[in-house]
Every structure is written in structure tokens, then in C-alpha cells.
Amino acid sequence: MADTSIRVSDEAKQRLDLYKREDESYEDVILRLTERDKWAGFGLLSETDTDTRDAMNGIRAEMRETVDSDIGELE
């Protein structure tokens, strides 16, 4: 696979450094942060199975519906 170099500002590098783990390259950080699965690579849910993540997504959706409903009643 070919390599491509990209330039980033000092600020962008500093932000990447905040997410960079000890054993990671900058490429690893970028790939982890841009993963389609929003739970991948972050905190407690980074290593959980998809059933747990799906359940969390379901709970979040239910909470949003409840909040939207409550807001609708106030209007």
C-alpha cells in the first residue's frame, strides 16, 4: 500500500495528541477517530460487543423520543 503525507497545523497535531494512546501512531488515531461505529475506540464502550452498543443506541433513541414528546407538550 502506498503512503501519502499530509500536513496538519500545530493545533491539529495537538488535538490528535489528546486522543493518541501510548502504543498508537498518528495513523492509528485517525483511523480510530474516523471509524463508522461512533462507539469504537472511545472509553468504556470501545471494547464491548455490538449487542451492547445496539442496546445503548436504543436507549438513546428512546430518551430522544421522550424529550421530543415532552417538548411538544410544552409548545
N, C-alpha and C. Protein backbone atom coordinates (compact mmCIF):
# COMPACT_ATOMS: atom_id res chain seq x y z
N MET A 1 0.84 -1.16 0.00
CA MET A 1 0.00 0.00 0.00
C MET A 1 0.89 1.23 0.00
N ALA A 2 0.53 2.21 -0.81
CA ALA A 2 1.30 3.44 -0.91
C ALA A 2 1.02 4.34 0.28
N ASP A 3 2.00 5.13 0.64
CA ASP A 3 1.84 6.10 1.71
C ASP A 3 1.63 7.48 1.12
N THR A 4 0.87 8.30 1.82
CA THR A 4 0.65 9.68 1.45
C THR A 4 0.93 10.53 2.66
N SER A 5 1.65 11.60 2.45
CA SER A 5 1.92 12.53 3.55
C SER A 5 0.87 13.63 3.54
N ILE A 6 0.44 14.03 4.73
CA ILE A 6 -0.47 15.16 4.86
C ILE A 6 0.12 16.14 5.85
N ARG A 7 -0.18 17.41 5.65
CA ARG A 7 0.29 18.43 6.56
C ARG A 7 -0.87 18.83 7.46
N VAL A 8 -0.57 18.99 8.72
CA VAL A 8 -1.57 19.49 9.66
C VAL A 8 -0.95 20.63 10.46
N SER A 9 -1.80 21.51 10.93
CA SER A 9 -1.32 22.64 11.73
C SER A 9 -0.86 22.12 13.09
N ASP A 10 -0.15 22.97 13.80
CA ASP A 10 0.28 22.60 15.16
C ASP A 10 -0.94 22.34 16.04
N GLU A 11 -1.99 23.13 15.85
CA GLU A 11 -3.21 22.94 16.63
C GLU A 11 -3.84 21.58 16.35
N ALA A 12 -3.89 21.19 15.08
CA ALA A 12 -4.46 19.89 14.72
C ALA A 12 -3.64 18.76 15.33
N LYS A 13 -2.33 18.88 15.31
CA LYS A 13 -1.46 17.86 15.91
C LYS A 13 -1.68 17.79 17.41
N GLN A 14 -1.82 18.94 18.05
CA GLN A 14 -2.07 18.96 19.50
C GLN A 14 -3.39 18.27 19.83
N ARG A 15 -4.39 18.48 18.99
CA ARG A 15 -5.68 17.82 19.22
C ARG A 15 -5.55 16.31 19.04
N LEU A 16 -4.82 15.89 18.03
CA LEU A 16 -4.59 14.45 17.83
C LEU A 16 -3.84 13.87 19.02
N ASP A 17 -2.89 14.63 19.55
CA ASP A 17 -2.12 14.18 20.71
C ASP A 17 -3.02 13.89 21.91
N LEU A 18 -4.12 14.63 22.04
CA LEU A 18 -5.04 14.41 23.15
C LEU A 18 -5.69 13.03 23.07
N TYR A 19 -5.88 12.54 21.86
CA TYR A 19 -6.54 11.24 21.65
C TYR A 19 -5.55 10.10 21.45
N LYS A 20 -4.30 10.42 21.22
CA LYS A 20 -3.29 9.41 20.90
C LYS A 20 -2.96 8.58 22.14
N ARG A 21 -3.05 7.29 21.97
CA ARG A 21 -2.68 6.37 23.04
C ARG A 21 -1.19 6.06 22.94
N GLU A 22 -0.64 5.58 24.01
CA GLU A 22 0.80 5.35 24.09
C GLU A 22 1.34 4.46 22.96
N ASP A 23 0.58 3.44 22.60
CA ASP A 23 1.06 2.48 21.61
C ASP A 23 0.58 2.78 20.19
N GLU A 24 0.00 3.97 19.95
CA GLU A 24 -0.58 4.28 18.66
C GLU A 24 0.28 5.23 17.83
N SER A 25 0.18 5.05 16.53
CA SER A 25 0.76 6.02 15.60
C SER A 25 -0.34 7.04 15.30
N TYR A 26 0.03 8.13 14.63
CA TYR A 26 -0.99 9.11 14.25
C TYR A 26 -1.98 8.50 13.27
N GLU A 27 -1.52 7.61 12.43
CA GLU A 27 -2.42 6.92 11.51
C GLU A 27 -3.45 6.12 12.29
N ASP A 28 -3.00 5.42 13.33
CA ASP A 28 -3.92 4.64 14.17
C ASP A 28 -4.98 5.54 14.78
N VAL A 29 -4.57 6.71 15.28
CA VAL A 29 -5.50 7.64 15.90
C VAL A 29 -6.55 8.10 14.89
N ILE A 30 -6.10 8.51 13.71
CA ILE A 30 -7.02 8.99 12.68
C ILE A 30 -8.00 7.90 12.28
N LEU A 31 -7.51 6.70 12.09
CA LEU A 31 -8.40 5.59 11.71
C LEU A 31 -9.41 5.29 12.81
N ARG A 32 -8.95 5.33 14.06
CA ARG A 32 -9.85 5.05 15.18
C ARG A 32 -10.92 6.14 15.30
N LEU A 33 -10.51 7.40 15.17
CA LEU A 33 -11.44 8.50 15.33
C LEU A 33 -12.43 8.62 14.17
N THR A 34 -12.08 8.08 13.03
CA THR A 34 -12.96 8.18 11.87
C THR A 34 -13.71 6.89 11.59
N GLU A 35 -13.66 5.98 12.52
CA GLU A 35 -14.40 4.72 12.41
C GLU A 35 -15.88 5.01 12.28
N ARG A 36 -16.57 4.28 11.41
CA ARG A 36 -18.01 4.49 11.22
C ARG A 36 -18.81 4.23 12.49
N ASP A 37 -18.39 3.26 13.27
CA ASP A 37 -19.06 2.95 14.53
C ASP A 37 -18.65 4.02 15.54
N LYS A 38 -19.59 4.88 15.93
CA LYS A 38 -19.23 6.01 16.79
C LYS A 38 -18.73 5.60 18.17
N TRP A 39 -19.00 4.36 18.58
CA TRP A 39 -18.52 3.91 19.89
C TRP A 39 -17.11 3.33 19.81
N ALA A 40 -16.63 3.01 18.63
CA ALA A 40 -15.32 2.36 18.50
C ALA A 40 -14.21 3.28 19.00
N GLY A 41 -13.36 2.73 19.82
CA GLY A 41 -12.18 3.47 20.24
C GLY A 41 -12.38 4.49 21.33
N PHE A 42 -13.55 4.57 21.91
CA PHE A 42 -13.79 5.58 22.93
C PHE A 42 -14.24 4.96 24.24
N GLY A 43 -13.49 5.22 25.25
CA GLY A 43 -13.86 4.89 26.61
C GLY A 43 -14.32 3.47 26.83
N LEU A 44 -15.27 3.35 27.73
CA LEU A 44 -15.76 2.06 28.18
C LEU A 44 -16.35 1.22 27.07
N LEU A 45 -17.03 1.84 26.12
CA LEU A 45 -17.71 1.07 25.09
C LEU A 45 -16.81 0.67 23.93
N SER A 46 -15.55 1.06 23.97
CA SER A 46 -14.67 0.77 22.85
C SER A 46 -14.44 -0.72 22.63
N GLU A 47 -14.51 -1.50 23.67
CA GLU A 47 -14.22 -2.92 23.55
C GLU A 47 -15.44 -3.80 23.73
N THR A 48 -16.63 -3.20 23.81
CA THR A 48 -17.83 -4.00 24.04
C THR A 48 -18.35 -4.58 22.73
N ASP A 49 -19.18 -5.59 22.85
CA ASP A 49 -19.73 -6.21 21.65
C ASP A 49 -20.83 -5.34 21.04
N THR A 50 -21.22 -5.68 19.84
CA THR A 50 -22.20 -4.86 19.12
C THR A 50 -23.58 -4.93 19.77
N ASP A 51 -23.92 -6.01 20.46
CA ASP A 51 -25.21 -6.09 21.14
C ASP A 51 -25.32 -5.00 22.21
N THR A 52 -24.25 -4.80 22.95
CA THR A 52 -24.25 -3.76 23.98
C THR A 52 -24.38 -2.39 23.34
N ARG A 53 -23.62 -2.16 22.29
CA ARG A 53 -23.69 -0.86 21.61
C ARG A 53 -25.08 -0.64 21.02
N ASP A 54 -25.66 -1.67 20.43
CA ASP A 54 -27.01 -1.55 19.86
C ASP A 54 -28.02 -1.21 20.96
N ALA A 55 -27.86 -1.83 22.11
CA ALA A 55 -28.75 -1.54 23.23
C ALA A 55 -28.59 -0.09 23.68
N MET A 56 -27.36 0.39 23.74
CA MET A 56 -27.11 1.79 24.11
C MET A 56 -27.75 2.73 23.10
N ASN A 57 -27.63 2.41 21.83
CA ASN A 57 -28.25 3.24 20.79
C ASN A 57 -29.77 3.25 20.94
N GLY A 58 -30.35 2.10 21.29
CA GLY A 58 -31.79 2.01 21.50
C GLY A 58 -32.24 2.86 22.68
N ILE A 59 -31.50 2.81 23.76
CA ILE A 59 -31.82 3.61 24.94
C ILE A 59 -31.74 5.10 24.59
N ARG A 60 -30.71 5.47 23.87
CA ARG A 60 -30.55 6.88 23.48
C ARG A 60 -31.72 7.33 22.60
N ALA A 61 -32.14 6.48 21.67
CA ALA A 61 -33.26 6.82 20.78
C ALA A 61 -34.55 6.99 21.59
N GLU A 62 -34.77 6.10 22.55
CA GLU A 62 -35.96 6.20 23.40
C GLU A 62 -35.95 7.49 24.21
N MET A 63 -34.78 7.85 24.73
CA MET A 63 -34.67 9.08 25.51
C MET A 63 -34.94 10.30 24.64
N ARG A 64 -34.44 10.28 23.41
CA ARG A 64 -34.71 11.39 22.49
C ARG A 64 -36.20 11.53 22.21
N GLU A 65 -36.86 10.40 21.97
CA GLU A 65 -38.29 10.43 21.70
C GLU A 65 -39.06 11.01 22.89
N THR A 66 -38.67 10.61 24.09
CA THR A 66 -39.33 11.11 25.30
C THR A 66 -39.12 12.62 25.43
N VAL A 67 -37.91 13.08 25.22
CA VAL A 67 -37.62 14.50 25.31
C VAL A 67 -38.38 15.27 24.24
N ASP A 68 -38.38 14.75 23.01
CA ASP A 68 -39.11 15.41 21.92
C ASP A 68 -40.60 15.49 22.25
N SER A 69 -41.13 14.42 22.81
CA SER A 69 -42.55 14.38 23.19
C SER A 69 -42.84 15.42 24.28
N ASP A 70 -41.97 15.47 25.28
CA ASP A 70 -42.14 16.44 26.38
C ASP A 70 -42.07 17.86 25.85
N ILE A 71 -41.17 18.12 24.95
CA ILE A 71 -41.05 19.46 24.36
C ILE A 71 -42.30 19.80 23.55
N GLY A 72 -42.79 18.81 22.81
CA GLY A 72 -44.02 19.01 22.04
C GLY A 72 -45.19 19.37 22.92
N GLU A 73 -45.27 18.76 24.09
CA GLU A 73 -46.37 19.05 25.02
C GLU A 73 -46.25 20.47 25.60
N LEU A 74 -45.05 20.97 25.72
CA LEU A 74 -44.85 22.32 26.26
C LEU A 74 -45.18 23.40 25.27
N GLU A 75 -45.13 23.06 24.01
CA GLU A 75 -45.35 24.08 22.96
C GLU A 75 -46.76 24.41 22.77
